[in-house]
Each structure stands twice: as C-alpha cells, then as structure tokens.
Amino acid sequence: MDLLDRLLGHDTWTTARLLAQSHTLTDAQLDQPFEIGWGTVRRTFAHVIDNMETWVDLMRGGPLRVLPEPAAQWETLEALEARLRVVAPELAALARAVQADGRWDEQWTDFLDDPPVRKTFGGGIAHVLTHSMHHRAQLIHMLRRLGVRDVVEGDALSWEAAAPQGTHEGSHP
C-alpha cells in the first residue's frame, strides 16, 4: 500500500467512524452550538462531506452536484453516511487516476473563485484530505465534550491498527 492509499483510507475510515460514533447523540446534541468548526456536530460533518463533493466535482470539471430540497434531509447522520459512501470512492478514483497518469502538477480551473483560479490536482487533493482532518479534530473535541465514549483518536497509525483488513484502500467507509 502506498502513501496515497494510506491517506485516502485514513480519511474515509476516520470520518465514517466519527459519524458512526455520533449515532449515540440526540438531535439536540447534534445541533448543540460550539464555537469551533461549523458551530455544531451536524453542520461540521455536512461541511466536510460537502467539501469533498464540491472539490471532486470541481476537479472533474463540473458541474457541481445538487442535492434535492429540503436540504435538512441530507444532513441526517444516515444521509451523511450515504453521501460519504458515494464521494469517498469518487475522490479515491480521481486521486488514483491523477497518480497513475503523473498529473499531480497539472492544472484545472476552480470556477467558484472570482475570478476563476488555476489550481493543481496535487494541491486540490491535498487540500481535501487536510481540510477533512482539520474539521475531524474539531469533531473529536465536540464529541468528547458531548460525552461520547471512546471517541476514535483520528491519527493514521491508530487507523492502520484498527481498520479491518480490506478497508485500507479508501474506497469504502
């Protein structure tokens, strides 16, 4: 397994584990305000997954996916888990294709920036993975503050030791 496989596997598995651990929380706890992240556990998870979806769509050249209304139905833990099961393999496939073709430094246009900005695939993929880790650290803090027991540590070596065989490739949470 190479470094990319480790980074993708850790990213997907850790986000999925934190989502699973959040099932012990009530809706009130999921929406309890915190002065970190996107303000609540639910909104921070939604932001992490939306960010993955948006960047995958941008790096593919668009269009951006649109979730049907009402938006709140896409922010239940079950819906967030389902969205992660879709976008994680998409991100992994994109990253592996970029790696296989040696396109880390090839540029694409981020049309959400005003004016649009050229960015590298390597920078975009690194951004998605580090962005998710940044917000997972906030989620770990929030979950611990809410009394969730045995919150996953979130580090790569803990993932490597704990993830079931076959989940190290990042294709499925």
Protein backbone atom coordinates (compact mmCIF):
# COMPACT_ATOMS: atom_id res chain seq x y z
CA MET A 1 0.00 0.00 0.00
CA ASP A 2 1.43 3.39 -0.95
CA LEU A 3 1.13 6.74 0.82
CA LEU A 4 -1.89 7.84 -1.25
CA ASP A 5 -3.77 4.67 -0.29
CA ARG A 6 -2.96 5.33 3.37
CA LEU A 7 -4.13 8.94 3.21
CA LEU A 8 -7.37 8.08 1.39
CA GLY A 9 -8.09 5.08 3.60
CA HIS A 10 -7.46 7.02 6.79
CA ASP A 11 -9.60 9.93 5.61
CA THR A 12 -12.63 7.83 4.72
CA TRP A 13 -12.45 5.36 7.58
CA THR A 14 -11.95 8.02 10.27
CA THR A 15 -14.82 10.19 9.02
CA ALA A 16 -17.08 7.12 8.84
CA ARG A 17 -16.09 6.04 12.38
CA LEU A 18 -16.85 9.50 13.79
CA LEU A 19 -20.21 9.50 12.05
CA ALA A 20 -20.96 6.06 13.49
CA GLN A 21 -19.97 7.19 16.97
CA SER A 22 -22.30 10.18 16.62
CA HIS A 23 -25.35 7.90 16.49
CA THR A 24 -25.32 7.91 20.31
CA LEU A 25 -26.22 11.63 20.25
CA THR A 26 -29.68 13.15 20.26
CA ASP A 27 -30.74 15.69 17.64
CA ALA A 28 -30.34 18.37 20.31
CA GLN A 29 -26.74 17.27 20.90
CA LEU A 30 -26.00 17.08 17.17
CA ASP A 31 -27.19 20.68 16.91
CA GLN A 32 -25.70 21.99 20.17
CA PRO A 33 -23.70 25.15 19.47
CA PHE A 34 -19.91 25.11 19.77
CA GLU A 35 -17.52 27.93 19.00
CA ILE A 36 -15.44 25.76 16.66
CA GLY A 37 -15.93 24.15 13.29
CA TRP A 38 -19.19 25.00 11.65
CA GLY A 39 -20.82 25.50 15.02
CA THR A 40 -22.41 22.09 15.55
CA VAL A 41 -21.53 18.44 15.06
CA ARG A 42 -24.14 18.05 12.32
CA ARG A 43 -23.12 21.17 10.38
CA THR A 44 -19.42 20.30 10.65
CA PHE A 45 -19.99 16.80 9.24
CA ALA A 46 -22.15 18.28 6.46
CA HIS A 47 -19.39 20.76 5.65
CA VAL A 48 -16.70 18.06 5.48
CA ILE A 49 -18.74 15.91 3.11
CA ASP A 50 -19.97 18.86 1.03
CA ASN A 51 -16.35 19.99 0.67
CA MET A 52 -15.35 16.55 -0.61
CA GLU A 53 -18.24 16.55 -3.10
CA THR A 54 -17.55 20.10 -4.30
CA TRP A 55 -13.82 19.59 -4.83
CA VAL A 56 -14.28 16.26 -6.62
CA ASP A 57 -16.82 17.91 -8.93
CA LEU A 58 -14.54 20.92 -9.50
CA MET A 59 -11.51 18.77 -10.30
CA ARG A 60 -13.63 16.73 -12.72
CA GLY A 61 -14.55 19.98 -14.49
CA GLY A 62 -18.08 20.34 -13.08
CA PRO A 63 -20.98 20.58 -12.92
CA LEU A 64 -21.44 20.64 -9.16
CA ARG A 65 -23.85 18.07 -7.77
CA VAL A 66 -27.12 19.42 -6.45
CA LEU A 67 -28.93 17.75 -3.59
CA PRO A 68 -32.73 17.85 -3.79
CA GLU A 69 -34.63 20.00 -1.32
CA PRO A 70 -35.22 20.08 1.57
CA ALA A 71 -31.57 20.38 2.49
CA ALA A 72 -32.14 19.20 6.08
CA GLN A 73 -32.91 15.66 4.89
CA TRP A 74 -29.36 15.44 3.52
CA GLU A 75 -27.90 16.24 6.94
CA THR A 76 -29.23 13.30 8.94
CA LEU A 77 -26.44 11.00 10.07
CA GLU A 78 -27.76 8.29 7.76
CA ALA A 79 -27.80 10.67 4.78
CA LEU A 80 -24.31 11.95 5.59
CA GLU A 81 -23.04 8.36 5.77
CA ALA A 82 -24.68 7.60 2.41
CA ARG A 83 -23.12 10.69 0.84
CA LEU A 84 -19.70 9.69 2.22
CA ARG A 85 -20.12 6.19 0.72
CA VAL A 86 -20.60 7.86 -2.68
CA VAL A 87 -17.98 10.61 -2.60
CA ALA A 88 -15.12 8.72 -0.92
CA PRO A 89 -14.71 6.24 -3.80
CA GLU A 90 -15.07 9.12 -6.28
CA LEU A 91 -12.25 11.01 -4.56
CA ALA A 92 -10.13 7.86 -4.39
CA ALA A 93 -10.68 7.09 -8.09
CA LEU A 94 -9.82 10.65 -9.07
CA ALA A 95 -6.68 10.71 -6.91
CA ARG A 96 -5.50 7.32 -8.19
CA ALA A 97 -6.07 8.36 -11.81
CA VAL A 98 -4.07 11.55 -11.23
CA GLN A 99 -1.31 9.49 -9.62
CA ALA A 100 -1.29 6.85 -12.36
CA ASP A 101 -1.05 9.50 -15.07
CA GLY A 102 1.54 11.58 -13.22
CA ARG A 103 -0.74 14.63 -13.26
CA TRP A 104 -0.08 15.96 -9.74
CA ASP A 105 1.15 19.29 -11.16
CA GLU A 106 -1.40 19.51 -13.98
CA GLN A 107 -3.80 22.40 -13.51
CA TRP A 108 -7.58 22.67 -13.57
CA THR A 109 -9.77 25.76 -13.20
CA ASP A 110 -11.66 26.44 -9.98
CA PHE A 111 -14.65 28.29 -11.42
CA LEU A 112 -16.08 29.00 -7.94
CA ASP A 113 -13.29 31.50 -7.29
CA ASP A 114 -13.95 35.03 -8.57
CA PRO A 115 -12.10 35.39 -10.82
CA PRO A 116 -11.58 31.70 -11.62
CA VAL A 117 -8.19 30.38 -10.44
CA ARG A 118 -5.97 27.65 -11.88
CA LYS A 119 -5.00 25.04 -9.27
CA THR A 120 -3.04 21.79 -9.37
CA PHE A 121 -4.60 18.39 -8.89
CA GLY A 122 -1.99 17.60 -6.23
CA GLY A 123 -2.84 20.76 -4.32
CA GLY A 124 -6.58 20.14 -4.63
CA ILE A 125 -6.38 16.54 -3.41
CA ALA A 126 -4.05 17.51 -0.55
CA HIS A 127 -6.46 20.31 0.35
CA VAL A 128 -9.45 17.95 0.58
CA LEU A 129 -7.59 15.49 2.81
CA THR A 130 -6.08 18.09 5.15
CA HIS A 131 -9.31 20.10 5.27
CA SER A 132 -11.20 17.00 6.40
CA MET A 133 -8.58 16.24 9.08
CA HIS A 134 -8.79 19.82 10.38
CA HIS A 135 -12.55 19.55 10.85
CA ARG A 136 -12.37 15.98 12.20
CA ALA A 137 -10.15 17.29 15.00
CA GLN A 138 -12.92 19.77 15.81
CA LEU A 139 -15.50 16.96 15.69
CA ILE A 140 -13.39 14.83 18.04
CA HIS A 141 -13.36 17.72 20.53
CA MET A 142 -17.13 18.27 20.21
CA LEU A 143 -17.95 14.57 20.57
CA ARG A 144 -15.80 14.29 23.69
CA ARG A 145 -17.45 17.40 25.15
CA LEU A 146 -20.85 15.80 24.47
CA GLY A 147 -19.83 12.70 26.44
CA VAL A 148 -19.34 10.23 23.58
CA ARG A 149 -17.23 7.41 24.97
CA ASP A 150 -14.06 6.10 23.32
CA VAL A 151 -14.04 8.66 20.51
CA VAL A 152 -11.67 7.49 17.82
CA GLU A 153 -8.27 9.21 18.09
CA GLY A 154 -8.19 10.02 14.40
CA ASP A 155 -4.48 9.50 13.74
CA ALA A 156 -3.14 7.42 10.84
CA LEU A 157 -1.35 4.80 12.96
CA SER A 158 -4.48 4.15 15.04
CA TRP A 159 -6.41 3.78 11.78
CA GLU A 160 -3.84 1.36 10.38
CA ALA A 161 -4.02 -0.77 13.54
CA ALA A 162 -7.82 -0.65 13.91
CA ALA A 163 -9.23 -0.69 10.37
CA PRO A 164 -10.41 -4.11 9.28
CA GLN A 165 -8.32 -5.75 6.56
CA GLY A 166 -9.52 -4.65 3.15
CA THR A 167 -10.55 -1.14 4.24
CA HIS A 168 -7.09 0.31 3.86
CA GLU A 169 -7.65 1.36 0.27
CA GLY A 170 -10.05 4.23 0.97
CA SER A 171 -12.71 3.02 -1.42
CA HIS A 172 -15.40 2.29 1.18
CA PRO A 173 -16.08 3.62 4.67
